[in-house]
Amino acid sequence: MGYDPVPTDTLVERTGLAPEAVSSMLLLLEMEGRVSSESGGLFVRIKSDATG
């Protein structure tokens, strides 16, 4: 997942995982502050200031 907004359907296609699994992972990543949900069902990776 890059820094450009991407729909959940695209992530499902790219990973080959079930939609439920992708949704669960996105929820966890959002709670950890690693991704953000955008309008239209898009998700985007959050740039981190940490170097490592």
PDB file of N, CA and C in Angstrom:
ATOM      1  N   MET A   1       0.851  -1.174   0.000  1.00  0.00           N
ATOM      2  CA  MET A   1       0.000   0.000   0.000  1.00  0.00           C
ATOM      3  C   MET A   1       0.893   1.232   0.000  1.00  0.00           C
ATOM      4  N   GLY A   2       0.694   2.055  -1.009  1.00  0.00           N
ATOM      5  CA  GLY A   2       1.488   3.276  -1.110  1.00  0.00           C
ATOM      6  C   GLY A   2       0.818   4.437  -0.401  1.00  0.00           C
ATOM      7  N   TYR A   3       1.244   5.630  -0.748  1.00  0.00           N
ATOM      8  CA  TYR A   3       0.699   6.830  -0.110  1.00  0.00           C
ATOM      9  C   TYR A   3      -0.464   7.434  -0.885  1.00  0.00           C
ATOM     10  N   ASP A   4      -0.792   6.862  -2.031  1.00  0.00           N
ATOM     11  CA  ASP A   4      -1.943   7.327  -2.802  1.00  0.00           C
ATOM     12  C   ASP A   4      -3.198   6.623  -2.300  1.00  0.00           C
ATOM     13  N   PRO A   5      -4.324   7.318  -2.235  1.00  0.00           N
ATOM     14  CA  PRO A   5      -5.577   6.693  -1.791  1.00  0.00           C
ATOM     15  C   PRO A   5      -5.939   5.499  -2.676  1.00  0.00           C
ATOM     16  N   VAL A   6      -6.385   4.429  -2.047  1.00  0.00           N
ATOM     17  CA  VAL A   6      -6.731   3.214  -2.770  1.00  0.00           C
ATOM     18  C   VAL A   6      -8.021   2.629  -2.183  1.00  0.00           C
ATOM     19  N   PRO A   7      -8.924   2.152  -3.030  1.00  0.00           N
ATOM     20  CA  PRO A   7     -10.161   1.551  -2.523  1.00  0.00           C
ATOM     21  C   PRO A   7      -9.907   0.149  -1.965  1.00  0.00           C
ATOM     22  N   THR A   8     -10.758  -0.249  -1.058  1.00  0.00           N
ATOM     23  CA  THR A   8     -10.643  -1.570  -0.441  1.00  0.00           C
ATOM     24  C   THR A   8     -10.677  -2.671  -1.490  1.00  0.00           C
ATOM     25  N   ASP A   9     -11.528  -2.524  -2.504  1.00  0.00           N
ATOM     26  CA  ASP A   9     -11.632  -3.543  -3.551  1.00  0.00           C
ATOM     27  C   ASP A   9     -10.290  -3.786  -4.237  1.00  0.00           C
ATOM     28  N   THR A  10      -9.534  -2.727  -4.447  1.00  0.00           N
ATOM     29  CA  THR A  10      -8.223  -2.867  -5.077  1.00  0.00           C
ATOM     30  C   THR A  10      -7.272  -3.637  -4.169  1.00  0.00           C
ATOM     31  N   LEU A  11      -7.335  -3.361  -2.875  1.00  0.00           N
ATOM     32  CA  LEU A  11      -6.486  -4.088  -1.936  1.00  0.00           C
ATOM     33  C   LEU A  11      -6.857  -5.567  -1.897  1.00  0.00           C
ATOM     34  N   VAL A  12      -8.136  -5.856  -1.981  1.00  0.00           N
ATOM     35  CA  VAL A  12      -8.589  -7.252  -2.017  1.00  0.00           C
ATOM     36  C   VAL A  12      -8.031  -7.938  -3.263  1.00  0.00           C
ATOM     37  N   GLU A  13      -8.115  -7.264  -4.401  1.00  0.00           N
ATOM     38  CA  GLU A  13      -7.602  -7.831  -5.653  1.00  0.00           C
ATOM     39  C   GLU A  13      -6.094  -8.051  -5.593  1.00  0.00           C
ATOM     40  N   ARG A  14      -5.379  -7.085  -5.068  1.00  0.00           N
ATOM     41  CA  ARG A  14      -3.908  -7.162  -5.025  1.00  0.00           C
ATOM     42  C   ARG A  14      -3.413  -8.233  -4.065  1.00  0.00           C
ATOM     43  N   THR A  15      -4.108  -8.412  -2.949  1.00  0.00           N
ATOM     44  CA  THR A  15      -3.642  -9.353  -1.936  1.00  0.00           C
ATOM     45  C   THR A  15      -4.189 -10.758  -2.121  1.00  0.00           C
ATOM     46  N   GLY A  16      -5.356 -10.875  -2.744  1.00  0.00           N
ATOM     47  CA  GLY A  16      -5.987 -12.183  -2.875  1.00  0.00           C
ATOM     48  C   GLY A  16      -6.654 -12.639  -1.591  1.00  0.00           C
ATOM     49  N   LEU A  17      -6.735 -11.744  -0.616  1.00  0.00           N
ATOM     50  CA  LEU A  17      -7.377 -12.074   0.664  1.00  0.00           C
ATOM     51  C   LEU A  17      -8.873 -11.806   0.583  1.00  0.00           C
ATOM     52  N   ALA A  18      -9.600 -12.403   1.512  1.00  0.00           N
ATOM     53  CA  ALA A  18     -11.044 -12.177   1.596  1.00  0.00           C
ATOM     54  C   ALA A  18     -11.307 -10.724   2.000  1.00  0.00           C
ATOM     55  N   PRO A  19     -12.398 -10.143   1.517  1.00  0.00           N
ATOM     56  CA  PRO A  19     -12.729  -8.756   1.889  1.00  0.00           C
ATOM     57  C   PRO A  19     -12.792  -8.552   3.401  1.00  0.00           C
ATOM     58  N   GLU A  20     -13.281  -9.534   4.119  1.00  0.00           N
ATOM     59  CA  GLU A  20     -13.376  -9.417   5.579  1.00  0.00           C
ATOM     60  C   GLU A  20     -11.993  -9.311   6.211  1.00  0.00           C
ATOM     61  N   ALA A  21     -11.033 -10.065   5.689  1.00  0.00           N
ATOM     62  CA  ALA A  21      -9.669 -10.026   6.224  1.00  0.00           C
ATOM     63  C   ALA A  21      -9.024  -8.670   5.956  1.00  0.00           C
ATOM     64  N   VAL A  22      -9.210  -8.164   4.741  1.00  0.00           N
ATOM     65  CA  VAL A  22      -8.642  -6.857   4.392  1.00  0.00           C
ATOM     66  C   VAL A  22      -9.271  -5.764   5.252  1.00  0.00           C
ATOM     67  N   SER A  23     -10.569  -5.816   5.438  1.00  0.00           N
ATOM     68  CA  SER A  23     -11.256  -4.820   6.267  1.00  0.00           C
ATOM     69  C   SER A  23     -10.754  -4.853   7.703  1.00  0.00           C
ATOM     70  N   SER A  24     -10.564  -6.048   8.235  1.00  0.00           N
ATOM     71  CA  SER A  24     -10.052  -6.185   9.607  1.00  0.00           C
ATOM     72  C   SER A  24      -8.655  -5.603   9.728  1.00  0.00           C
ATOM     73  N   MET A  25      -7.811  -5.903   8.742  1.00  0.00           N
ATOM     74  CA  MET A  25      -6.443  -5.382   8.772  1.00  0.00           C
ATOM     75  C   MET A  25      -6.426  -3.866   8.661  1.00  0.00           C
ATOM     76  N   LEU A  26      -7.284  -3.328   7.782  1.00  0.00           N
ATOM     77  CA  LEU A  26      -7.351  -1.875   7.637  1.00  0.00           C
ATOM     78  C   LEU A  26      -7.826  -1.211   8.924  1.00  0.00           C
ATOM     79  N   LEU A  27      -8.773  -1.822   9.597  1.00  0.00           N
ATOM     80  CA  LEU A  27      -9.253  -1.278  10.864  1.00  0.00           C
ATOM     81  C   LEU A  27      -8.131  -1.237  11.893  1.00  0.00           C
ATOM     82  N   LEU A  28      -7.381  -2.327  12.003  1.00  0.00           N
ATOM     83  CA  LEU A  28      -6.265  -2.363  12.942  1.00  0.00           C
ATOM     84  C   LEU A  28      -5.203  -1.321  12.588  1.00  0.00           C
ATOM     85  N   LEU A  29      -4.884  -1.211  11.305  1.00  0.00           N
ATOM     86  CA  LEU A  29      -3.897  -0.226  10.871  1.00  0.00           C
ATOM     87  C   LEU A  29      -4.377   1.204  11.127  1.00  0.00           C
ATOM     88  N   GLU A  30      -5.670   1.417  10.973  1.00  0.00           N
ATOM     89  CA  GLU A  30      -6.230   2.743  11.251  1.00  0.00           C
ATOM     90  C   GLU A  30      -6.151   3.054  12.747  1.00  0.00           C
ATOM     91  N   MET A  31      -6.448   2.075  13.568  1.00  0.00           N
ATOM     92  CA  MET A  31      -6.376   2.279  15.024  1.00  0.00           C
ATOM     93  C   MET A  31      -4.944   2.526  15.481  1.00  0.00           C
ATOM     94  N   GLU A  32      -3.969   1.949  14.770  1.00  0.00           N
ATOM     95  CA  GLU A  32      -2.556   2.153  15.091  1.00  0.00           C
ATOM     96  C   GLU A  32      -2.005   3.445  14.503  1.00  0.00           C
ATOM     97  N   GLY A  33      -2.819   4.141  13.709  1.00  0.00           N
ATOM     98  CA  GLY A  33      -2.377   5.392  13.116  1.00  0.00           C
ATOM     99  C   GLY A  33      -1.502   5.206  11.893  1.00  0.00           C
ATOM    100  N   ARG A  34      -1.589   4.049  11.255  1.00  0.00           N
ATOM    101  CA  ARG A  34      -0.761   3.779  10.079  1.00  0.00           C
ATOM    102  C   ARG A  34      -1.470   4.079   8.770  1.00  0.00           C
ATOM    103  N   VAL A  35      -2.798   4.006   8.768  1.00  0.00           N
ATOM    104  CA  VAL A  35      -3.583   4.362   7.592  1.00  0.00           C
ATOM    105  C   VAL A  35      -4.730   5.264   8.016  1.00  0.00           C
ATOM    106  N   SER A  36      -5.289   5.950   7.047  1.00  0.00           N
ATOM    107  CA  SER A  36      -6.432   6.828   7.288  1.00  0.00           C
ATOM    108  C   SER A  36      -7.504   6.517   6.258  1.00  0.00           C
ATOM    109  N   SER A  37      -8.743   6.532   6.705  1.00  0.00           N
ATOM    110  CA  SER A  37      -9.845   6.329   5.759  1.00  0.00           C
ATOM    111  C   SER A  37     -10.270   7.676   5.202  1.00  0.00           C
ATOM    112  N   GLU A  38     -10.498   7.695   3.911  1.00  0.00           N
ATOM    113  CA  GLU A  38     -10.912   8.899   3.207  1.00  0.00           C
ATOM    114  C   GLU A  38     -12.341   8.717   2.712  1.00  0.00           C
ATOM    115  N   SER A  39     -12.947   9.778   2.257  1.00  0.00           N
ATOM    116  CA  SER A  39     -14.296   9.679   1.709  1.00  0.00           C
ATOM    117  C   SER A  39     -14.289   8.786   0.475  1.00  0.00           C
ATOM    118  N   GLY A  40     -15.396   8.119   0.239  1.00  0.00           N
ATOM    119  CA  GLY A  40     -15.510   7.239  -0.913  1.00  0.00           C
ATOM    120  C   GLY A  40     -14.927   5.859  -0.694  1.00  0.00           C
ATOM    121  N   GLY A  41     -14.648   5.510   0.560  1.00  0.00           N
ATOM    122  CA  GLY A  41     -14.118   4.181   0.857  1.00  0.00           C
ATOM    123  C   GLY A  41     -12.654   3.994   0.494  1.00  0.00           C
ATOM    124  N   LEU A  42     -11.921   5.089   0.432  1.00  0.00           N
ATOM    125  CA  LEU A  42     -10.503   5.015   0.101  1.00  0.00           C
ATOM    126  C   LEU A  42      -9.662   4.982   1.373  1.00  0.00           C
ATOM    127  N   PHE A  43      -8.528   4.310   1.292  1.00  0.00           N
ATOM    128  CA  PHE A  43      -7.589   4.281   2.400  1.00  0.00           C
ATOM    129  C   PHE A  43      -6.247   4.774   1.915  1.00  0.00           C
ATOM    130  N   VAL A  44      -5.549   5.467   2.797  1.00  0.00           N
ATOM    131  CA  VAL A  44      -4.251   6.027   2.445  1.00  0.00           C
ATOM    132  C   VAL A  44      -3.281   5.781   3.592  1.00  0.00           C
ATOM    133  N   ARG A  45      -2.074   5.452   3.243  1.00  0.00           N
ATOM    134  CA  ARG A  45      -1.009   5.231   4.226  1.00  0.00           C
ATOM    135  C   ARG A  45      -0.582   6.582   4.790  1.00  0.00           C
ATOM    136  N   ILE A  46      -0.367   6.634   6.090  1.00  0.00           N
ATOM    137  CA  ILE A  46       0.047   7.870   6.747  1.00  0.00           C
ATOM    138  C   ILE A  46       1.556   7.926   6.800  1.00  0.00           C
ATOM    139  N   LYS A  47       2.089   9.035   6.328  1.00  0.00           N
ATOM    140  CA  LYS A  47       3.542   9.208   6.363  1.00  0.00           C
ATOM    141  C   LYS A  47       3.990   9.394   7.804  1.00  0.00           C
ATOM    142  N   SER A  48       5.050   8.687   8.136  1.00  0.00           N
ATOM    143  CA  SER A  48       5.576   8.738   9.495  1.00  0.00           C
ATOM    144  C   SER A  48       6.811   9.627   9.547  1.00  0.00           C
ATOM    145  N   ASP A  49       6.924  10.378  10.631  1.00  0.00           N
ATOM    146  CA  ASP A  49       8.125  11.203  10.828  1.00  0.00           C
ATOM    147  C   ASP A  49       9.266  10.387  11.408  1.00  0.00           C
ATOM    148  N   ALA A  50       8.946   9.208  11.956  1.00  0.00           N
ATOM    149  CA  ALA A  50       9.968   8.345  12.555  1.00  0.00           C
ATOM    150  C   ALA A  50      10.850   7.748  11.459  1.00  0.00           C
ATOM    151  N   THR A  51      12.089   7.587  11.780  1.00  0.00           N
ATOM    152  CA  THR A  51      13.044   7.057  10.788  1.00  0.00           C
ATOM    153  C   THR A  51      13.297   5.571  10.982  1.00  0.00           C
ATOM    154  N   GLY A  52      12.723   4.982  11.957  1.00  0.00           N
ATOM    155  CA  GLY A  52      13.044   3.596  12.011  1.00  0.00           C
ATOM    156  C   GLY A  52      12.460   2.819  13.054  1.00  0.00           C
TER     157      GLY A  52
END
